[in-house]
Full PDB file with SEQRES, HELIX, SHEET, SSBOND, CRYST1, ORIGX, SCALE, CONECT and MASTER records, all heavy atoms in Angstrom:
SEQRES   1 A   39  HIS LEU ASP ASP ASP MET ASN SER GLU THR ALA ALA TRP          
SEQRES   2 A   39  GLN GLU ALA GLY VAL THR LEU PRO ALA PHE ASP THR THR          
SEQRES   3 A   39  SER MET ARG GLN ALA THR ASN GLN SER PRO VAL TRP VAL          
HELIX    1 AA1 THR A   10  GLU A   15  1                                   6    
HELIX    2 AA2 THR A   25  GLN A   34  1                                  10    
CRYST1    1.000    1.000    1.000  90.00  90.00  90.00 P 1           1          
ORIGX1      1.000000  0.000000  0.000000        0.00000                         
ORIGX2      0.000000  1.000000  0.000000        0.00000                         
ORIGX3      0.000000  0.000000  1.000000        0.00000                         
SCALE1      1.000000  0.000000  0.000000        0.00000                         
SCALE2      0.000000  1.000000  0.000000        0.00000                         
SCALE3      0.000000  0.000000  1.000000        0.00000                         
ATOM      1  N   HIS A   1      10.266   6.627  -4.873  1.00  0.00           N  
ATOM      2  CA  HIS A   1       9.521   6.158  -6.090  1.00  0.00           C  
ATOM      3  C   HIS A   1       8.296   5.522  -5.651  1.00  0.00           C  
ATOM      4  O   HIS A   1       8.135   5.029  -4.535  1.00  0.00           O  
ATOM      5  CB  HIS A   1      10.483   5.104  -6.823  1.00  0.00           C  
ATOM      6  CG  HIS A   1      11.704   5.682  -7.314  1.00  0.00           C  
ATOM      7  ND1 HIS A   1      12.875   5.870  -6.456  1.00  0.00           N  
ATOM      8  CD2 HIS A   1      12.155   6.099  -8.545  1.00  0.00           C  
ATOM      9  CE1 HIS A   1      13.841   6.352  -7.214  1.00  0.00           C  
ATOM     10  NE2 HIS A   1      13.420   6.534  -8.438  1.00  0.00           N  
ATOM     11  N   LEU A   2       7.299   5.528  -6.525  1.00  0.00           N  
ATOM     12  CA  LEU A   2       5.972   5.049  -6.189  1.00  0.00           C  
ATOM     13  C   LEU A   2       5.972   3.600  -5.782  1.00  0.00           C  
ATOM     14  O   LEU A   2       5.075   3.153  -4.993  1.00  0.00           O  
ATOM     15  CB  LEU A   2       5.030   5.286  -7.371  1.00  0.00           C  
ATOM     16  CG  LEU A   2       4.607   6.715  -7.702  1.00  0.00           C  
ATOM     17  CD1 LEU A   2       3.749   6.749  -8.846  1.00  0.00           C  
ATOM     18  CD2 LEU A   2       3.872   7.328  -6.444  1.00  0.00           C  
ATOM     19  N   ASP A   3       6.852   2.813  -6.288  1.00  0.00           N  
ATOM     20  CA  ASP A   3       6.874   1.428  -5.991  1.00  0.00           C  
ATOM     21  C   ASP A   3       7.870   1.116  -4.777  1.00  0.00           C  
ATOM     22  O   ASP A   3       8.100  -0.052  -4.499  1.00  0.00           O  
ATOM     23  CB  ASP A   3       7.262   0.562  -7.195  1.00  0.00           C  
ATOM     24  CG  ASP A   3       8.608   0.966  -7.811  1.00  0.00           C  
ATOM     25  OD1 ASP A   3       9.228   1.819  -7.346  1.00  0.00           O  
ATOM     26  OD2 ASP A   3       9.051   0.203  -8.751  1.00  0.00           O  
ATOM     27  N   ASP A   4       8.415   2.148  -4.130  1.00  0.00           N  
ATOM     28  CA  ASP A   4       9.246   1.893  -2.977  1.00  0.00           C  
ATOM     29  C   ASP A   4       8.435   1.268  -1.839  1.00  0.00           C  
ATOM     30  O   ASP A   4       7.224   1.420  -1.722  1.00  0.00           O  
ATOM     31  CB  ASP A   4       9.801   3.217  -2.428  1.00  0.00           C  
ATOM     32  CG  ASP A   4      10.942   3.700  -3.318  1.00  0.00           C  
ATOM     33  OD1 ASP A   4      11.449   2.918  -4.114  1.00  0.00           O  
ATOM     34  OD2 ASP A   4      11.384   4.858  -3.114  1.00  0.00           O  
ATOM     35  N   ASP A   5       9.106   0.372  -1.034  1.00  0.00           N  
ATOM     36  CA  ASP A   5       8.414  -0.263   0.027  1.00  0.00           C  
ATOM     37  C   ASP A   5       7.931   0.728   1.081  1.00  0.00           C  
ATOM     38  O   ASP A   5       8.680   1.624   1.604  1.00  0.00           O  
ATOM     39  CB  ASP A   5       9.387  -1.269   0.719  1.00  0.00           C  
ATOM     40  CG  ASP A   5       8.735  -2.000   1.879  1.00  0.00           C  
ATOM     41  OD1 ASP A   5       7.973  -2.852   1.565  1.00  0.00           O  
ATOM     42  OD2 ASP A   5       9.081  -1.736   3.058  1.00  0.00           O  
ATOM     43  N   MET A   6       6.665   0.649   1.434  1.00  0.00           N  
ATOM     44  CA  MET A   6       6.046   1.579   2.280  1.00  0.00           C  
ATOM     45  C   MET A   6       6.406   1.282   3.765  1.00  0.00           C  
ATOM     46  O   MET A   6       6.406   2.185   4.606  1.00  0.00           O  
ATOM     47  CB  MET A   6       4.552   1.595   2.149  1.00  0.00           C  
ATOM     48  CG  MET A   6       3.969   2.203   0.850  1.00  0.00           C  
ATOM     49  SD  MET A   6       2.223   2.184   0.772  1.00  0.00           S  
ATOM     50  CE  MET A   6       1.932   0.409   0.484  1.00  0.00           C  
ATOM     51  N   ASN A   7       6.652   0.077   4.117  1.00  0.00           N  
ATOM     52  CA  ASN A   7       6.908  -0.316   5.487  1.00  0.00           C  
ATOM     53  C   ASN A   7       8.364   0.081   5.915  1.00  0.00           C  
ATOM     54  O   ASN A   7       8.486   0.727   7.023  1.00  0.00           O  
ATOM     55  CB  ASN A   7       6.719  -1.817   5.762  1.00  0.00           C  
ATOM     56  CG  ASN A   7       5.320  -2.185   5.561  1.00  0.00           C  
ATOM     57  OD1 ASN A   7       4.400  -1.507   5.894  1.00  0.00           O  
ATOM     58  ND2 ASN A   7       5.091  -3.326   4.810  1.00  0.00           N  
ATOM     59  N   SER A   8       9.334  -0.124   5.033  1.00  0.00           N  
ATOM     60  CA  SER A   8      10.752   0.186   5.442  1.00  0.00           C  
ATOM     61  C   SER A   8      10.972   1.675   5.234  1.00  0.00           C  
ATOM     62  O   SER A   8      11.985   2.201   5.772  1.00  0.00           O  
ATOM     63  CB  SER A   8      11.687  -0.692   4.713  1.00  0.00           C  
ATOM     64  OG  SER A   8      11.570  -0.403   3.308  1.00  0.00           O  
ATOM     65  N   GLU A   9      10.230   2.381   4.412  1.00  0.00           N  
ATOM     66  CA  GLU A   9      10.466   3.760   4.080  1.00  0.00           C  
ATOM     67  C   GLU A   9       9.441   4.652   4.664  1.00  0.00           C  
ATOM     68  O   GLU A   9       9.281   5.761   4.132  1.00  0.00           O  
ATOM     69  CB  GLU A   9      10.535   3.915   2.528  1.00  0.00           C  
ATOM     70  CG  GLU A   9      11.589   3.061   1.886  1.00  0.00           C  
ATOM     71  CD  GLU A   9      12.950   3.595   2.014  1.00  0.00           C  
ATOM     72  OE1 GLU A   9      13.124   4.828   2.519  1.00  0.00           O  
ATOM     73  OE2 GLU A   9      14.022   2.938   1.749  1.00  0.00           O  
ATOM     74  N   THR A  10       8.759   4.255   5.690  1.00  0.00           N  
ATOM     75  CA  THR A  10       7.591   5.015   6.187  1.00  0.00           C  
ATOM     76  C   THR A  10       8.023   6.454   6.559  1.00  0.00           C  
ATOM     77  O   THR A  10       7.301   7.401   6.299  1.00  0.00           O  
ATOM     78  CB  THR A  10       6.936   4.348   7.442  1.00  0.00           C  
ATOM     79  OG1 THR A  10       6.502   3.058   7.010  1.00  0.00           O  
ATOM     80  CG2 THR A  10       5.906   5.164   8.033  1.00  0.00           C  
ATOM     81  N   ALA A  11       9.163   6.546   7.257  1.00  0.00           N  
ATOM     82  CA  ALA A  11       9.586   7.876   7.751  1.00  0.00           C  
ATOM     83  C   ALA A  11       9.842   8.830   6.577  1.00  0.00           C  
ATOM     84  O   ALA A  11       9.516   9.995   6.592  1.00  0.00           O  
ATOM     85  CB  ALA A  11      10.844   7.754   8.593  1.00  0.00           C  
ATOM     86  N   ALA A  12      10.466   8.197   5.547  1.00  0.00           N  
ATOM     87  CA  ALA A  12      10.728   9.039   4.301  1.00  0.00           C  
ATOM     88  C   ALA A  12       9.490   9.593   3.583  1.00  0.00           C  
ATOM     89  O   ALA A  12       9.363  10.693   3.194  1.00  0.00           O  
ATOM     90  CB  ALA A  12      11.596   8.286   3.289  1.00  0.00           C  
ATOM     91  N   TRP A  13       8.454   8.709   3.494  1.00  0.00           N  
ATOM     92  CA  TRP A  13       7.166   9.065   2.949  1.00  0.00           C  
ATOM     93  C   TRP A  13       6.507  10.166   3.816  1.00  0.00           C  
ATOM     94  O   TRP A  13       6.022  11.111   3.243  1.00  0.00           O  
ATOM     95  CB  TRP A  13       6.237   7.868   2.889  1.00  0.00           C  
ATOM     96  CG  TRP A  13       6.580   6.864   1.836  1.00  0.00           C  
ATOM     97  CD1 TRP A  13       7.160   5.695   1.957  1.00  0.00           C  
ATOM     98  CD2 TRP A  13       6.252   6.968   0.462  1.00  0.00           C  
ATOM     99  NE1 TRP A  13       7.347   5.017   0.821  1.00  0.00           N  
ATOM    100  CE2 TRP A  13       6.734   5.810  -0.196  1.00  0.00           C  
ATOM    101  CE3 TRP A  13       5.614   7.949  -0.331  1.00  0.00           C  
ATOM    102  CZ2 TRP A  13       6.650   5.551  -1.536  1.00  0.00           C  
ATOM    103  CZ3 TRP A  13       5.507   7.717  -1.718  1.00  0.00           C  
ATOM    104  CH2 TRP A  13       5.981   6.503  -2.334  1.00  0.00           C  
ATOM    105  N   GLN A  14       6.550   9.982   5.094  1.00  0.00           N  
ATOM    106  CA  GLN A  14       5.947  10.999   5.972  1.00  0.00           C  
ATOM    107  C   GLN A  14       6.702  12.295   5.886  1.00  0.00           C  
ATOM    108  O   GLN A  14       6.047  13.346   5.898  1.00  0.00           O  
ATOM    109  CB  GLN A  14       6.010  10.540   7.460  1.00  0.00           C  
ATOM    110  CG  GLN A  14       5.097   9.299   7.733  1.00  0.00           C  
ATOM    111  CD  GLN A  14       5.200   8.764   9.101  1.00  0.00           C  
ATOM    112  OE1 GLN A  14       6.261   9.006   9.795  1.00  0.00           O  
ATOM    113  NE2 GLN A  14       4.264   8.030   9.596  1.00  0.00           N  
ATOM    114  N   GLU A  15       7.987  12.298   5.752  1.00  0.00           N  
ATOM    115  CA  GLU A  15       8.724  13.508   5.610  1.00  0.00           C  
ATOM    116  C   GLU A  15       8.448  14.270   4.339  1.00  0.00           C  
ATOM    117  O   GLU A  15       8.399  15.460   4.296  1.00  0.00           O  
ATOM    118  CB  GLU A  15      10.245  13.197   5.638  1.00  0.00           C  
ATOM    119  CG  GLU A  15      11.146  14.417   5.616  1.00  0.00           C  
ATOM    120  CD  GLU A  15      12.657  14.121   5.833  1.00  0.00           C  
ATOM    121  OE1 GLU A  15      12.989  12.945   6.060  1.00  0.00           O  
ATOM    122  OE2 GLU A  15      13.489  14.988   5.538  1.00  0.00           O  
ATOM    123  N   ALA A  16       8.121  13.448   3.255  1.00  0.00           N  
ATOM    124  CA  ALA A  16       7.686  14.082   2.032  1.00  0.00           C  
ATOM    125  C   ALA A  16       6.309  14.526   2.046  1.00  0.00           C  
ATOM    126  O   ALA A  16       5.937  15.337   1.091  1.00  0.00           O  
ATOM    127  CB  ALA A  16       7.851  13.025   0.909  1.00  0.00           C  
ATOM    128  N   GLY A  17       5.570  14.255   3.096  1.00  0.00           N  
ATOM    129  CA  GLY A  17       4.192  14.815   3.233  1.00  0.00           C  
ATOM    130  C   GLY A  17       3.136  13.986   2.471  1.00  0.00           C  
ATOM    131  O   GLY A  17       2.118  14.526   2.105  1.00  0.00           O  
ATOM    132  N   VAL A  18       3.478  12.748   2.170  1.00  0.00           N  
ATOM    133  CA  VAL A  18       2.541  11.884   1.471  1.00  0.00           C  
ATOM    134  C   VAL A  18       1.848  10.971   2.425  1.00  0.00           C  
ATOM    135  O   VAL A  18       2.465  10.219   3.171  1.00  0.00           O  
ATOM    136  CB  VAL A  18       3.306  10.988   0.329  1.00  0.00           C  
ATOM    137  CG1 VAL A  18       2.379  10.054  -0.308  1.00  0.00           C  
ATOM    138  CG2 VAL A  18       4.004  11.883  -0.542  1.00  0.00           C  
ATOM    139  N   THR A  19       0.480  10.957   2.343  1.00  0.00           N  
ATOM    140  CA  THR A  19      -0.279  10.076   3.234  1.00  0.00           C  
ATOM    141  C   THR A  19      -0.269   8.688   2.680  1.00  0.00           C  
ATOM    142  O   THR A  19      -0.567   8.468   1.439  1.00  0.00           O  
ATOM    143  CB  THR A  19      -1.716  10.554   3.311  1.00  0.00           C  
ATOM    144  OG1 THR A  19      -1.790  11.888   3.874  1.00  0.00           O  
ATOM    145  CG2 THR A  19      -2.570   9.620   4.163  1.00  0.00           C  
ATOM    146  N   LEU A  20       0.013   7.690   3.517  1.00  0.00           N  
ATOM    147  CA  LEU A  20       0.134   6.278   3.038  1.00  0.00           C  
ATOM    148  C   LEU A  20      -1.106   5.474   3.342  1.00  0.00           C  
ATOM    149  O   LEU A  20      -1.931   5.898   4.251  1.00  0.00           O  
ATOM    150  CB  LEU A  20       1.365   5.635   3.777  1.00  0.00           C  
ATOM    151  CG  LEU A  20       2.652   6.160   3.403  1.00  0.00           C  
ATOM    152  CD1 LEU A  20       3.802   5.474   4.282  1.00  0.00           C  
ATOM    153  CD2 LEU A  20       3.072   6.058   2.007  1.00  0.00           C  
ATOM    154  N   PRO A  21      -1.384   4.385   2.568  1.00  0.00           N  
ATOM    155  CA  PRO A  21      -2.463   3.525   2.918  1.00  0.00           C  
ATOM    156  C   PRO A  21      -2.377   2.976   4.334  1.00  0.00           C  
ATOM    157  O   PRO A  21      -1.281   2.794   4.869  1.00  0.00           O  
ATOM    158  CB  PRO A  21      -2.390   2.456   1.839  1.00  0.00           C  
ATOM    159  CG  PRO A  21      -1.505   2.946   0.751  1.00  0.00           C  
ATOM    160  CD  PRO A  21      -0.606   3.925   1.464  1.00  0.00           C  
ATOM    161  N   ALA A  22      -3.511   2.680   4.942  1.00  0.00           N  
ATOM    162  CA  ALA A  22      -3.586   2.119   6.248  1.00  0.00           C  
ATOM    163  C   ALA A  22      -3.909   0.762   6.289  1.00  0.00           C  
ATOM    164  O   ALA A  22      -4.299   0.062   7.270  1.00  0.00           O  
ATOM    165  CB  ALA A  22      -4.633   2.940   7.082  1.00  0.00           C  
ATOM    166  N   PHE A  23      -3.729  -0.007   5.139  1.00  0.00           N  
ATOM    167  CA  PHE A  23      -4.074  -1.371   5.011  1.00  0.00           C  
ATOM    168  C   PHE A  23      -2.849  -2.051   4.416  1.00  0.00           C  
ATOM    169  O   PHE A  23      -1.962  -1.469   3.844  1.00  0.00           O  
ATOM    170  CB  PHE A  23      -5.343  -1.622   4.130  1.00  0.00           C  
ATOM    171  CG  PHE A  23      -5.190  -1.020   2.705  1.00  0.00           C  
ATOM    172  CD1 PHE A  23      -4.690  -1.773   1.694  1.00  0.00           C  
ATOM    173  CD2 PHE A  23      -5.583   0.308   2.466  1.00  0.00           C  
ATOM    174  CE1 PHE A  23      -4.559  -1.200   0.381  1.00  0.00           C  
ATOM    175  CE2 PHE A  23      -5.451   0.903   1.228  1.00  0.00           C  
ATOM    176  CZ  PHE A  23      -4.984   0.097   0.149  1.00  0.00           C  
ATOM    177  N   ASP A  24      -2.885  -3.382   4.519  1.00  0.00           N  
ATOM    178  CA  ASP A  24      -1.806  -4.193   3.974  1.00  0.00           C  
ATOM    179  C   ASP A  24      -2.058  -4.479   2.456  1.00  0.00           C  
ATOM    180  O   ASP A  24      -3.124  -5.171   2.181  1.00  0.00           O  
ATOM    181  CB  ASP A  24      -1.694  -5.518   4.803  1.00  0.00           C  
ATOM    182  CG  ASP A  24      -0.500  -6.428   4.183  1.00  0.00           C  
ATOM    183  OD1 ASP A  24       0.608  -6.165   4.686  1.00  0.00           O  
ATOM    184  OD2 ASP A  24      -0.814  -7.271   3.339  1.00  0.00           O  
ATOM    185  N   THR A  25      -1.295  -3.926   1.668  1.00  0.00           N  
ATOM    186  CA  THR A  25      -1.519  -4.064   0.206  1.00  0.00           C  
ATOM    187  C   THR A  25      -1.411  -5.490  -0.281  1.00  0.00           C  
ATOM    188  O   THR A  25      -2.128  -5.848  -1.203  1.00  0.00           O  
ATOM    189  CB  THR A  25      -0.598  -3.111  -0.567  1.00  0.00           C  
ATOM    190  OG1 THR A  25       0.771  -3.463  -0.298  1.00  0.00           O  
ATOM    191  CG2 THR A  25      -0.840  -1.649  -0.188  1.00  0.00           C  
ATOM    192  N   THR A  26      -0.481  -6.257   0.241  1.00  0.00           N  
ATOM    193  CA  THR A  26      -0.298  -7.614  -0.213  1.00  0.00           C  
ATOM    194  C   THR A  26      -1.538  -8.416   0.150  1.00  0.00           C  
ATOM    195  O   THR A  26      -2.085  -9.134  -0.762  1.00  0.00           O  
ATOM    196  CB  THR A  26       0.930  -8.260   0.486  1.00  0.00           C  
ATOM    197  OG1 THR A  26       2.106  -7.501   0.135  1.00  0.00           O  
ATOM    198  CG2 THR A  26       1.096  -9.653   0.017  1.00  0.00           C  
ATOM    199  N   SER A  27      -2.038  -8.299   1.300  1.00  0.00           N  
ATOM    200  CA  SER A  27      -3.298  -9.068   1.652  1.00  0.00           C  
ATOM    201  C   SER A  27      -4.412  -8.545   0.821  1.00  0.00           C  
ATOM    202  O   SER A  27      -5.319  -9.393   0.394  1.00  0.00           O  
ATOM    203  CB  SER A  27      -3.585  -8.801   3.127  1.00  0.00           C  
ATOM    204  OG  SER A  27      -2.568  -9.330   3.970  1.00  0.00           O  
ATOM    205  N   MET A  28      -4.531  -7.312   0.601  1.00  0.00           N  
ATOM    206  CA  MET A  28      -5.656  -6.714  -0.216  1.00  0.00           C  
ATOM    207  C   MET A  28      -5.620  -7.333  -1.596  1.00  0.00           C  
ATOM    208  O   MET A  28      -6.674  -7.786  -2.098  1.00  0.00           O  
ATOM    209  CB  MET A  28      -5.543  -5.194  -0.307  1.00  0.00           C  
ATOM    210  CG  MET A  28      -6.592  -4.496  -1.210  1.00  0.00           C  
ATOM    211  SD  MET A  28      -6.204  -4.499  -2.958  1.00  0.00           S  
ATOM    212  CE  MET A  28      -4.777  -3.350  -2.973  1.00  0.00           C  
ATOM    213  N   ARG A  29      -4.441  -7.375  -2.194  1.00  0.00           N  
ATOM    214  CA  ARG A  29      -4.391  -7.953  -3.598  1.00  0.00           C  
ATOM    215  C   ARG A  29      -4.699  -9.432  -3.630  1.00  0.00           C  
ATOM    216  O   ARG A  29      -5.416  -9.917  -4.562  1.00  0.00           O  
ATOM    217  CB  ARG A  29      -2.959  -7.692  -4.168  1.00  0.00           C  
ATOM    218  CG  ARG A  29      -2.716  -6.216  -4.409  1.00  0.00           C  
ATOM    219  CD  ARG A  29      -1.367  -5.973  -5.119  1.00  0.00           C  
ATOM    220  NE  ARG A  29      -1.185  -4.534  -5.376  1.00  0.00           N  
ATOM    221  CZ  ARG A  29      -0.164  -4.121  -6.075  1.00  0.00           C  
ATOM    222  NH1 ARG A  29       0.699  -4.935  -6.685  1.00  0.00           N  
ATOM    223  NH2 ARG A  29      -0.043  -2.783  -6.275  1.00  0.00           N  
ATOM    224  N   GLN A  30      -4.223 -10.130  -2.656  1.00  0.00           N  
ATOM    225  CA  GLN A  30      -4.631 -11.613  -2.592  1.00  0.00           C  
ATOM    226  C   GLN A  30      -6.126 -11.787  -2.440  1.00  0.00           C  
ATOM    227  O   GLN A  30      -6.678 -12.599  -3.206  1.00  0.00           O  
ATOM    228  CB  GLN A  30      -3.856 -12.248  -1.393  1.00  0.00           C  
ATOM    229  CG  GLN A  30      -2.343 -12.330  -1.657  1.00  0.00           C  
ATOM    230  CD  GLN A  30      -1.619 -12.868  -0.339  1.00  0.00           C  
ATOM    231  OE1 GLN A  30      -2.241 -12.896   0.731  1.00  0.00           O  
ATOM    232  NE2 GLN A  30      -0.358 -13.252  -0.581  1.00  0.00           N  
ATOM    233  N   ALA A  31      -6.793 -11.047  -1.565  1.00  0.00           N  
ATOM    234  CA  ALA A  31      -8.193 -11.221  -1.355  1.00  0.00           C  
ATOM    235  C   ALA A  31      -8.941 -10.799  -2.543  1.00  0.00           C  
ATOM    236  O   ALA A  31      -9.953 -11.489  -2.997  1.00  0.00           O  
ATOM    237  CB  ALA A  31      -8.637 -10.358  -0.128  1.00  0.00           C  
ATOM    238  N   THR A  32      -8.565  -9.796  -3.214  1.00  0.00           N  
ATOM    239  CA  THR A  32      -9.210  -9.264  -4.438  1.00  0.00           C  
ATOM    240  C   THR A  32      -9.168 -10.238  -5.558  1.00  0.00           C  
ATOM    241  O   THR A  32     -10.087 -10.540  -6.289  1.00  0.00           O  
ATOM    242  CB  THR A  32      -8.677  -7.901  -4.877  1.00  0.00           C  
ATOM    243  OG1 THR A  32      -8.732  -6.961  -3.762  1.00  0.00           O  
ATOM    244  CG2 THR A  32      -9.519  -7.314  -6.007  1.00  0.00           C  
ATOM    245  N   ASN A  33      -7.937 -10.770  -5.807  1.00  0.00           N  
ATOM    246  CA  ASN A  33      -7.775 -11.637  -6.852  1.00  0.00           C  
ATOM    247  C   ASN A  33      -8.422 -13.054  -6.668  1.00  0.00           C  
ATOM    248  O   ASN A  33      -8.810 -13.657  -7.588  1.00  0.00           O  
ATOM    249  CB  ASN A  33      -6.290 -11.886  -7.188  1.00  0.00           C  
ATOM    250  CG  ASN A  33      -5.546 -10.613  -7.738  1.00  0.00           C  
ATOM    251  OD1 ASN A  33      -6.198  -9.968  -8.525  1.00  0.00           O  
ATOM    252  ND2 ASN A  33      -4.381 -10.335  -7.290  1.00  0.00           N  
ATOM    253  N   GLN A  34      -8.565 -13.404  -5.374  1.00  0.00           N  
ATOM    254  CA  GLN A  34      -9.322 -14.628  -5.070  1.00  0.00           C  
ATOM    255  C   GLN A  34     -10.772 -14.500  -5.240  1.00  0.00           C  
ATOM    256  O   GLN A  34     -11.486 -15.406  -5.750  1.00  0.00           O  
ATOM    257  CB  GLN A  34      -8.987 -15.078  -3.596  1.00  0.00           C  
ATOM    258  CG  GLN A  34      -7.574 -15.590  -3.453  1.00  0.00           C  
ATOM    259  CD  GLN A  34      -7.227 -15.819  -2.014  1.00  0.00           C  
ATOM    260  OE1 GLN A  34      -8.115 -15.659  -1.104  1.00  0.00           O  
ATOM    261  NE2 GLN A  34      -6.011 -16.359  -1.709  1.00  0.00           N  
ATOM    262  N   SER A  35     -11.320 -13.314  -4.926  1.00  0.00           N  
ATOM    263  CA  SER A  35     -12.790 -13.025  -5.077  1.00  0.00           C  
ATOM    264  C   SER A  35     -13.093 -11.706  -5.222  1.00  0.00           C  
ATOM    265  O   SER A  35     -13.323 -10.899  -4.291  1.00  0.00           O  
ATOM    266  CB  SER A  35     -13.516 -13.637  -3.787  1.00  0.00           C  
ATOM    267  OG  SER A  35     -14.906 -13.522  -3.905  1.00  0.00           O  
ATOM    268  N   PRO A  36     -13.012 -11.119  -6.452  1.00  0.00           N  
ATOM    269  CA  PRO A  36     -13.197  -9.712  -6.661  1.00  0.00           C  
ATOM    270  C   PRO A  36     -14.649  -9.233  -6.570  1.00  0.00           C  
ATOM    271  O   PRO A  36     -15.593 -10.064  -6.844  1.00  0.00           O  
ATOM    272  CB  PRO A  36     -12.790  -9.587  -8.134  1.00  0.00           C  
ATOM    273  CG  PRO A  36     -13.040 -11.015  -8.723  1.00  0.00           C  
ATOM    274  CD  PRO A  36     -12.759 -11.890  -7.671  1.00  0.00           C  
ATOM    275  N   VAL A  37     -14.807  -8.066  -6.244  1.00  0.00           N  
ATOM    276  CA  VAL A  37     -16.229  -7.482  -6.052  1.00  0.00           C  
ATOM    277  C   VAL A  37     -16.427  -6.267  -6.949  1.00  0.00           C  
ATOM    278  O   VAL A  37     -17.538  -5.947  -7.130  1.00  0.00           O  
ATOM    279  CB  VAL A  37     -16.472  -7.111  -4.549  1.00  0.00           C  
ATOM    280  CG1 VAL A  37     -16.413  -8.307  -3.663  1.00  0.00           C  
ATOM    281  CG2 VAL A  37     -15.530  -5.966  -4.079  1.00  0.00           C  
ATOM    282  N   TRP A  38     -15.307  -5.574  -7.391  1.00  0.00           N  
ATOM    283  CA  TRP A  38     -15.554  -4.305  -8.076  1.00  0.00           C  
ATOM    284  C   TRP A  38     -14.515  -4.275  -9.294  1.00  0.00           C  
ATOM    285  O   TRP A  38     -13.373  -4.358  -9.110  1.00  0.00           O  
ATOM    286  CB  TRP A  38     -15.246  -3.151  -7.146  1.00  0.00           C  
ATOM    287  CG  TRP A  38     -15.463  -1.729  -7.664  1.00  0.00           C  
ATOM    288  CD1 TRP A  38     -15.907  -1.420  -8.908  1.00  0.00           C  
ATOM    289  CD2 TRP A  38     -15.416  -0.585  -6.894  1.00  0.00           C  
ATOM    290  NE1 TRP A  38     -16.069  -0.022  -9.019  1.00  0.00           N  
ATOM    291  CE2 TRP A  38     -15.691   0.492  -7.802  1.00  0.00           C  
ATOM    292  CE3 TRP A  38     -15.064  -0.342  -5.575  1.00  0.00           C  
ATOM    293  CZ2 TRP A  38     -15.671   1.804  -7.358  1.00  0.00           C  
ATOM    294  CZ3 TRP A  38     -15.054   1.027  -5.185  1.00  0.00           C  
ATOM    295  CH2 TRP A  38     -15.397   2.088  -6.059  1.00  0.00           C  
ATOM    296  N   VAL A  39     -15.048  -4.122 -10.463  1.00  0.00           N  
ATOM    297  CA  VAL A  39     -14.222  -3.889 -11.655  1.00  0.00           C  
ATOM    298  C   VAL A  39     -14.650  -2.551 -12.241  1.00  0.00           C  
ATOM    299  O   VAL A  39     -15.847  -2.214 -12.332  1.00  0.00           O  
ATOM    300  CB  VAL A  39     -14.485  -5.014 -12.685  1.00  0.00           C  
ATOM    301  CG1 VAL A  39     -13.760  -4.700 -14.022  1.00  0.00           C  
ATOM    302  CG2 VAL A  39     -14.081  -6.318 -12.201  1.00  0.00           C  
TER     303      VAL A  39                                                      
MASTER        0    0    0    2    0    0    0    6  302    1    0    3          
END                                                                             
């Protein structure tokens, strides 16, 4: 599912042939919400 955890399910995503983000999504959301640059 799209909201499945990417870290614990990495192998399953790779097996499905889906390229995953190379950044930490939690940190990204925190930084964006604290000081957004693009709407």
